[in-house]
Amino acid sequence: MRSGDCACTAHPVRVCSAYVTEMEGDERQVRVFDEMSKYGYEQLIFAADEVSGLRAVIAIHNTTLGPALGGCRMWPYESEEEAVIDALRLARGMTYKSSAAGLDLGGGKAVIIGDPRKDKSEVLLRAFGRFVDTLGGRYITAEDVGIRGEDVEIIHMETQHVVGLPSGPGAGGDPSPVTAYGVIRGITACLEETFGESSFSGRRVAVQGVGNVGYSIVKHLAQQGATVYAADVFEERVDAVVKEFDVQSIPVDEIYDVECDIFCPCALGGVINKETVERLRCKIVAGSANNQLKEEGYANILEDLGILYAPDYVINAGGVINVAEELYGYDRERALRKAGAIYDRIKSVIETAKQKRISPHEAASHLAEERIAKIGGIHRIYVPE
């Protein structure tokens, strides 16, 4: 079945890229398509399956460099509109992330509406896998918030267009440690720029979110002598890092107010917003979360506050670097080496920002867009079959 087909009885997952026209009338239709046009999205696709309860969205932003790769997020969104917005924002971020990381991949993202602790099932994941397979490789999925390695294996039962497998031939395993390593390398570059030294010893770091990636980041920080403050909506995660690494527990709603050198967001996006930006008591914002800025204008506000912001899609690219290795023959050492180069990319972004007198966020966007434009502009050469 083609990705644009609707309510096809030959397949248990109904796919309809025009679903947005039916959501809440013409007003909603105009907003969604205007958003897609404004930021150059290629495709927005919806799927529903009555048997499994699947309600999913895939956004494909740009495939100039290659197939769109991006994880699948499962979250109990308060509305369908919130899920769509998240998918769109995350997909665009993946385009920039892959480009900035030097990968031959485009940007896409999937979201499943539901509570991963209660609604996830084998049949739901397999239905999602069939949904991904209808796109014929235009979108490659992987794990993200709410989706674990064992879930990826179930999705893989229905489609080959998946990476981040935890085991088996060519599997890269859990990408979280590689993501965390890249973040630490990026923070090191920020420390050198802000404080003139790279040591974490004695530095105070407020980590928001201690899931898979956040846990690994806390481990690195603790091993290197940093004082760590940790917060998470799931108390058991905080309890685990407090017990293992002797970090300090902070209530979720107070993490922004902690006096620290580095605020490290490792949970969901949009955490730098009008309610939080003035509360920050740090010199650096650098973490693994995607879309940390609620709106792009907050990059300039951070700049005005004297806070160095490490663009999220540059510093957290270790995960996509790791899973992309599976497409070419996985090599752990090569993945770590590429993730380590995030240090150089953050350095380049900072230097470009200073030279052009713009924010690091703008500098990173320019660098990513420039690569896409140059490769997209290469003269096509006809090769007879």
Protein backbone atom coordinates (compact mmCIF):
# COMPACT_ATOMS: atom_id res chain seq x y z
CA MET A 1 0.00 0.00 0.00
CA ARG A 2 1.27 3.47 -0.86
CA SER A 3 1.80 5.97 1.96
CA GLY A 4 -0.95 8.22 0.67
CA ASP A 5 -3.67 5.54 0.52
CA CYS A 6 -6.60 5.91 2.92
CA ALA A 7 -8.55 3.21 4.76
CA CYS A 8 -7.06 0.40 2.70
CA THR A 9 -8.77 -2.88 3.56
CA ALA A 10 -5.73 -4.86 2.38
CA HIS A 11 -3.71 -3.70 5.38
CA PRO A 12 -4.70 -3.59 9.07
CA VAL A 13 -3.18 -0.13 9.57
CA ARG A 14 -5.05 2.76 7.98
CA VAL A 15 -2.68 5.44 6.68
CA CYS A 16 -3.89 8.85 5.58
CA SER A 17 -1.58 11.80 4.95
CA ALA A 18 -4.61 14.07 4.46
CA TYR A 19 -6.06 13.37 7.91
CA VAL A 20 -5.27 16.90 9.03
CA THR A 21 -8.11 18.19 6.84
CA GLU A 22 -10.59 16.28 9.01
CA MET A 23 -9.31 17.19 12.46
CA GLU A 24 -11.26 20.32 13.30
CA GLY A 25 -12.33 21.90 10.06
CA ASP A 26 -10.70 24.34 7.69
CA GLU A 27 -9.10 26.53 10.39
CA ARG A 28 -6.94 23.63 11.65
CA GLN A 29 -6.12 22.61 8.06
CA VAL A 30 -4.69 26.01 7.19
CA ARG A 31 -2.51 26.15 10.31
CA VAL A 32 -0.98 22.71 9.74
CA PHE A 33 -0.26 23.16 6.05
CA ASP A 34 1.07 26.67 6.61
CA GLU A 35 3.46 25.25 9.20
CA MET A 36 4.59 22.55 6.79
CA SER A 37 5.11 25.06 3.98
CA LYS A 38 6.91 27.57 6.18
CA TYR A 39 9.54 25.06 7.35
CA GLY A 40 9.74 22.86 4.26
CA TYR A 41 8.14 19.63 5.47
CA GLU A 42 7.62 16.94 2.86
CA GLN A 43 4.97 14.76 4.44
CA LEU A 44 2.76 14.33 7.50
CA ILE A 45 1.16 10.91 7.86
CA PHE A 46 -1.34 9.51 10.36
CA ALA A 47 -2.18 5.91 11.24
CA ALA A 48 -4.89 4.28 13.32
CA ASP A 49 -5.65 0.67 14.13
CA GLU A 50 -8.74 -0.35 16.09
CA VAL A 51 -7.48 -3.76 17.20
CA SER A 52 -4.23 -2.52 18.78
CA GLY A 53 -5.41 0.96 19.70
CA LEU A 54 -2.58 2.48 17.69
CA ARG A 55 -2.77 6.23 17.10
CA ALA A 56 0.45 7.41 15.50
CA VAL A 57 1.91 10.27 13.49
CA ILE A 58 5.02 10.36 11.31
CA ALA A 59 6.47 13.64 10.11
CA ILE A 60 9.05 13.65 7.33
CA HIS A 61 10.83 16.96 7.11
CA ASN A 62 13.59 16.77 4.49
CA THR A 63 15.18 13.90 2.55
CA THR A 64 17.74 15.85 0.51
CA LEU A 65 20.66 14.06 2.15
CA GLY A 66 19.02 10.64 2.42
CA PRO A 67 16.12 8.74 4.01
CA ALA A 68 14.51 10.37 7.02
CA LEU A 69 15.76 8.81 10.24
CA GLY A 70 14.34 9.55 13.67
CA GLY A 71 13.10 7.66 16.68
CA CYS A 72 9.57 6.84 17.70
CA ARG A 73 8.29 8.53 20.85
CA MET A 74 5.37 7.15 22.88
CA TRP A 75 3.79 9.68 25.20
CA PRO A 76 0.32 10.40 26.69
CA TYR A 77 -0.22 13.64 24.80
CA GLU A 78 -3.09 15.75 26.06
CA SER A 79 -4.40 16.28 22.53
CA GLU A 80 -3.89 15.15 18.96
CA GLU A 81 -2.72 18.65 18.09
CA GLU A 82 0.03 18.44 20.71
CA ALA A 83 1.19 15.14 19.21
CA VAL A 84 1.29 16.62 15.71
CA ILE A 85 3.27 19.65 16.86
CA ASP A 86 5.77 17.43 18.67
CA ALA A 87 6.23 15.19 15.61
CA LEU A 88 6.78 18.20 13.35
CA ARG A 89 9.27 19.90 15.67
CA LEU A 90 11.20 16.69 16.30
CA ALA A 91 11.37 15.79 12.58
CA ARG A 92 12.81 19.18 11.66
CA GLY A 93 15.32 18.85 14.47
CA MET A 94 16.44 15.50 13.06
CA THR A 95 17.13 17.07 9.66
CA TYR A 96 19.43 19.60 11.26
CA LYS A 97 20.96 17.01 13.59
CA SER A 98 21.89 14.61 10.79
CA SER A 99 23.25 17.39 8.61
CA ALA A 100 25.31 18.94 11.42
CA ALA A 101 26.68 15.48 12.29
CA GLY A 102 27.82 14.94 8.70
CA LEU A 103 25.41 12.05 8.08
CA ASP A 104 23.79 11.22 4.74
CA LEU A 105 20.34 11.14 6.30
CA GLY A 106 17.26 13.30 6.37
CA GLY A 107 14.95 14.12 9.24
CA GLY A 108 11.79 12.39 10.38
CA LYS A 109 10.07 11.45 13.61
CA ALA A 110 7.19 9.30 14.81
CA VAL A 111 4.97 9.69 17.84
CA ILE A 112 2.51 7.21 19.30
CA ILE A 113 -0.22 8.66 21.49
CA GLY A 114 -0.44 6.61 24.68
CA ASP A 115 1.09 5.89 28.05
CA PRO A 116 4.07 3.56 27.48
CA ARG A 117 3.65 2.12 30.97
CA LYS A 118 0.04 1.09 30.41
CA ASP A 119 -0.86 1.14 26.71
CA LYS A 120 2.16 -0.47 25.06
CA SER A 121 1.67 -4.00 23.72
CA GLU A 122 3.09 -6.39 21.16
CA VAL A 123 0.14 -5.89 18.84
CA LEU A 124 0.43 -2.09 19.03
CA LEU A 125 4.15 -2.15 18.25
CA ARG A 126 3.64 -4.58 15.37
CA ALA A 127 0.86 -2.40 13.97
CA PHE A 128 3.25 0.54 14.12
CA GLY A 129 5.91 -1.52 12.36
CA ARG A 130 3.51 -2.27 9.49
CA PHE A 131 2.72 1.43 9.34
CA VAL A 132 6.43 2.27 8.99
CA ASP A 133 6.81 -0.39 6.31
CA THR A 134 4.20 1.28 4.09
CA LEU A 135 6.66 4.17 3.58
CA GLY A 136 9.09 1.89 1.76
CA GLY A 137 12.22 3.20 3.47
CA ARG A 138 11.48 6.92 3.24
CA TYR A 139 11.41 6.85 7.03
CA ILE A 140 13.64 4.73 9.28
CA THR A 141 12.52 4.44 12.90
CA ALA A 142 14.37 3.84 16.16
CA GLU A 143 13.81 4.13 19.90
CA ASP A 144 13.01 7.36 21.72
CA VAL A 145 11.18 8.39 24.86
CA GLY A 146 8.79 5.61 25.88
CA ILE A 147 10.22 3.10 23.39
CA ARG A 148 12.94 0.69 24.51
CA GLY A 149 15.32 -1.70 22.76
CA GLU A 150 13.02 -4.67 23.24
CA ASP A 151 10.21 -2.65 21.65
CA VAL A 152 12.40 -1.97 18.62
CA GLU A 153 12.88 -5.72 18.21
CA ILE A 154 9.10 -6.18 18.04
CA ILE A 155 8.77 -3.36 15.48
CA HIS A 156 11.52 -5.08 13.50
CA MET A 157 9.29 -8.14 13.14
CA GLU A 158 7.16 -6.10 10.71
CA THR A 159 9.69 -3.87 8.94
CA GLN A 160 13.36 -3.74 8.00
CA HIS A 161 13.30 0.04 8.22
CA VAL A 162 14.38 0.21 11.86
CA VAL A 163 17.71 0.74 13.64
CA GLY A 164 18.83 0.71 17.24
CA LEU A 165 18.40 -3.04 17.69
CA PRO A 166 19.70 -4.19 21.08
CA SER A 167 21.26 -7.44 19.86
CA GLY A 168 21.93 -9.62 16.83
CA PRO A 169 24.13 -9.28 13.74
CA GLY A 170 24.93 -5.63 13.01
CA ALA A 171 23.04 -4.36 16.05
CA GLY A 172 24.34 -1.23 17.75
CA GLY A 173 22.72 -1.86 21.10
CA ASP A 174 21.54 0.87 23.42
CA PRO A 175 22.54 4.24 21.88
CA SER A 176 22.17 6.08 25.20
CA PRO A 177 25.81 5.75 26.32
CA VAL A 178 27.02 7.10 22.97
CA THR A 179 24.58 9.99 23.17
CA ALA A 180 25.78 10.75 26.69
CA TYR A 181 29.42 10.60 25.64
CA GLY A 182 28.76 13.11 22.86
CA VAL A 183 26.96 15.43 25.30
CA ILE A 184 29.89 15.29 27.72
CA ARG A 185 32.29 16.11 24.89
CA GLY A 186 30.09 19.05 23.88
CA ILE A 187 29.87 20.33 27.45
CA THR A 188 33.67 20.13 27.64
CA ALA A 189 33.87 22.55 24.71
CA CYS A 190 31.41 24.86 26.50
CA LEU A 191 33.45 24.74 29.71
CA GLU A 192 36.57 25.79 27.81
CA GLU A 193 34.73 28.69 26.21
CA THR A 194 33.06 29.88 29.42
CA PHE A 195 35.61 29.13 32.12
CA GLY A 196 38.84 28.65 30.16
CA GLU A 197 39.29 25.06 31.35
CA SER A 198 37.82 21.66 30.57
CA SER A 199 37.73 20.07 34.03
CA PHE A 200 34.40 19.01 35.55
CA SER A 201 35.92 18.81 39.00
CA GLY A 202 33.98 21.04 41.36
CA ARG A 203 31.51 22.11 38.67
CA ARG A 204 27.84 22.14 39.65
CA VAL A 205 25.48 20.51 37.14
CA ALA A 206 21.67 20.43 37.34
CA VAL A 207 20.42 17.44 35.32
CA GLN A 208 16.76 17.48 34.37
CA GLY A 209 15.72 13.94 33.51
CA VAL A 210 17.72 10.85 34.46
CA GLY A 211 16.35 8.25 32.07
CA ASN A 212 18.70 6.22 29.89
CA VAL A 213 20.75 9.14 28.56
CA GLY A 214 20.49 11.27 31.68
CA TYR A 215 21.67 8.34 33.79
CA SER A 216 24.78 7.90 31.64
CA ILE A 217 25.49 11.64 31.76
CA VAL A 218 25.22 11.64 35.56
CA LYS A 219 27.63 8.69 35.65
CA HIS A 220 30.21 10.61 33.57
CA LEU A 221 29.79 13.74 35.69
CA ALA A 222 30.12 11.90 38.99
CA GLN A 223 33.21 10.04 37.81
CA GLN A 224 34.82 13.34 36.83
CA GLY A 225 34.19 15.04 40.17
CA ALA A 226 31.19 17.24 39.41
CA THR A 227 28.52 18.08 41.96
CA VAL A 228 25.26 16.84 40.44
CA TYR A 229 21.67 17.85 41.19
CA ALA A 230 19.08 15.51 39.65
CA ALA A 231 15.35 15.78 38.99
CA ASP A 232 12.89 13.52 37.17
CA VAL A 233 9.12 13.06 37.04
CA PHE A 234 9.74 9.40 37.92
CA GLU A 235 11.01 9.37 41.50
CA GLU A 236 12.51 5.89 41.22
CA ARG A 237 14.98 7.14 38.61
CA VAL A 238 16.21 9.89 40.93
CA ASP A 239 16.42 7.43 43.82
CA ALA A 240 18.62 5.17 41.68
CA VAL A 241 21.20 7.83 40.77
CA VAL A 242 21.19 9.25 44.31
CA LYS A 243 22.00 5.80 45.65
CA GLU A 244 24.59 4.89 43.00
CA PHE A 245 26.37 8.21 42.46
CA ASP A 246 25.61 10.18 45.64
CA VAL A 247 23.99 13.06 43.75
CA GLN A 248 21.51 15.49 45.28
CA SER A 249 17.78 15.07 44.60
CA ILE A 250 15.86 18.18 43.55
CA PRO A 251 12.06 18.49 43.12
CA VAL A 252 11.06 18.63 39.46
CA ASP A 253 9.60 22.13 39.68
CA GLU A 254 12.72 23.53 41.41
CA ILE A 255 15.48 22.32 39.06
CA TYR A 256 15.49 25.62 37.12
CA ASP A 257 16.28 27.58 40.29
CA VAL A 258 19.42 25.65 41.25
CA GLU A 259 22.59 27.74 41.44
CA CYS A 260 24.90 25.87 39.07
CA ASP A 261 27.44 26.15 36.29
CA ILE A 262 25.55 23.96 33.84
CA PHE A 263 21.85 23.30 33.34
CA CYS A 264 21.59 19.96 31.54
CA PRO A 265 18.08 19.22 30.15
CA CYS A 266 17.71 15.52 29.37
CA ALA A 267 13.93 15.08 29.37
CA LEU A 268 11.28 16.40 26.97
CA GLY A 269 11.44 19.52 24.80
CA GLY A 270 10.26 23.09 25.27
CA VAL A 271 11.82 23.44 28.73
CA ILE A 272 13.36 26.83 27.94
CA ASN A 273 10.25 29.01 27.82
CA LYS A 274 8.78 32.20 29.25
CA GLU A 275 8.08 30.56 32.61
CA THR A 276 11.58 29.15 33.05
CA VAL A 277 14.19 31.19 31.20
CA GLU A 278 14.45 33.97 33.79
CA ARG A 279 14.73 31.42 36.60
CA LEU A 280 17.94 29.85 35.27
CA ARG A 281 20.98 30.36 37.52
CA CYS A 282 23.64 28.90 35.26
CA LYS A 283 26.32 29.88 32.76
CA ILE A 284 25.75 27.05 30.29
CA VAL A 285 22.68 25.21 28.95
CA ALA A 286 23.77 21.93 27.40
CA GLY A 287 21.93 18.62 27.46
CA SER A 288 20.52 15.69 25.51
CA ALA A 289 16.84 16.73 25.21
CA ASN A 290 15.48 17.54 21.77
CA ASN A 291 13.89 20.94 21.03
CA GLN A 292 14.93 22.46 24.35
CA LEU A 293 13.83 25.93 23.22
CA LYS A 294 10.06 26.44 23.25
CA GLU A 295 10.58 28.98 20.47
CA GLU A 296 13.76 29.85 18.59
CA GLY A 297 13.72 33.39 20.02
CA TYR A 298 14.75 32.01 23.40
CA ALA A 299 18.23 31.47 21.97
CA ASN A 300 18.64 35.25 21.86
CA ILE A 301 17.23 35.62 25.36
CA LEU A 302 19.80 33.15 26.68
CA GLU A 303 22.48 35.14 24.86
CA ASP A 304 21.27 38.37 26.49
CA LEU A 305 21.36 36.67 29.90
CA GLY A 306 24.99 35.72 29.35
CA ILE A 307 24.20 32.00 29.14
CA LEU A 308 26.01 29.89 26.54
CA TYR A 309 23.56 27.57 24.79
CA ALA A 310 24.85 24.43 23.08
CA PRO A 311 22.35 23.78 20.24
CA ASP A 312 20.55 20.59 21.17
CA TYR A 313 20.65 18.92 17.78
CA VAL A 314 24.43 19.35 17.62
CA ILE A 315 25.36 18.24 21.13
CA ASN A 316 22.94 15.29 21.33
CA ALA A 317 23.78 13.77 17.93
CA GLY A 318 25.60 10.77 19.44
CA GLY A 319 22.44 8.69 19.38
CA VAL A 320 21.71 9.16 15.69
CA ILE A 321 25.41 8.67 14.92
CA ASN A 322 25.29 5.35 16.74
CA VAL A 323 22.14 3.98 15.10
CA ALA A 324 23.22 5.24 11.66
CA GLU A 325 26.26 2.98 11.97
CA GLU A 326 23.92 0.01 11.65
CA LEU A 327 23.12 1.06 8.09
CA TYR A 328 26.76 0.63 7.03
CA GLY A 329 27.99 -2.20 9.26
CA TYR A 330 28.11 -1.37 12.96
CA ASP A 331 31.45 -0.51 14.55
CA ARG A 332 31.30 0.68 18.18
CA GLU A 333 34.73 2.32 18.16
CA ARG A 334 33.88 4.23 15.00
CA ALA A 335 30.58 5.37 16.52
CA LEU A 336 32.34 6.64 19.65
CA ARG A 337 34.99 8.38 17.56
CA LYS A 338 32.32 10.18 15.54
CA ALA A 339 30.42 11.10 18.70
CA GLY A 340 33.64 12.44 20.20
CA ALA A 341 33.88 14.86 17.27
CA ILE A 342 30.85 16.68 18.73
CA TYR A 343 33.46 18.58 20.75
CA ASP A 344 34.85 20.02 17.49
CA ARG A 345 31.38 20.81 16.14
CA ILE A 346 30.40 22.74 19.25
CA LYS A 347 33.71 24.61 19.04
CA SER A 348 32.97 25.44 15.39
CA VAL A 349 29.44 26.62 16.23
CA ILE A 350 30.72 28.88 19.00
CA GLU A 351 33.41 30.35 16.78
CA THR A 352 30.96 30.95 13.92
CA ALA A 353 28.55 32.63 16.33
CA LYS A 354 31.26 34.98 17.55
CA GLN A 355 32.46 35.83 14.05
CA LYS A 356 28.97 36.55 12.73
CA ARG A 357 27.72 38.07 16.00
CA ILE A 358 24.77 35.73 16.17
CA SER A 359 23.61 33.16 18.71
CA PRO A 360 25.07 29.64 18.67
CA HIS A 361 21.61 28.39 17.75
CA GLU A 362 21.59 30.53 14.60
CA ALA A 363 25.17 29.56 13.81
CA ALA A 364 24.34 25.86 14.02
CA SER A 365 21.31 26.35 11.77
CA HIS A 366 23.44 28.13 9.17
CA LEU A 367 26.02 25.34 9.16
CA ALA A 368 23.39 22.60 8.82
CA GLU A 369 21.41 24.44 6.12
CA GLU A 370 24.56 25.22 4.19
CA ARG A 371 25.50 21.53 3.95
CA ILE A 372 22.00 20.56 2.81
CA ALA A 373 21.97 23.32 0.19
CA LYS A 374 25.40 22.45 -1.19
CA ILE A 375 24.79 18.73 -1.47
CA GLY A 376 21.26 19.29 -2.74
CA GLY A 377 22.65 21.60 -5.40
CA ILE A 378 25.16 19.12 -6.85
CA HIS A 379 24.53 18.72 -10.57
CA ARG A 380 22.66 15.52 -11.29
CA ILE A 381 24.48 13.17 -13.70
CA TYR A 382 22.46 10.85 -15.88
CA VAL A 383 23.59 7.23 -15.66
CA PRO A 384 21.92 4.81 -18.10
CA GLU A 385 20.54 1.62 -16.58
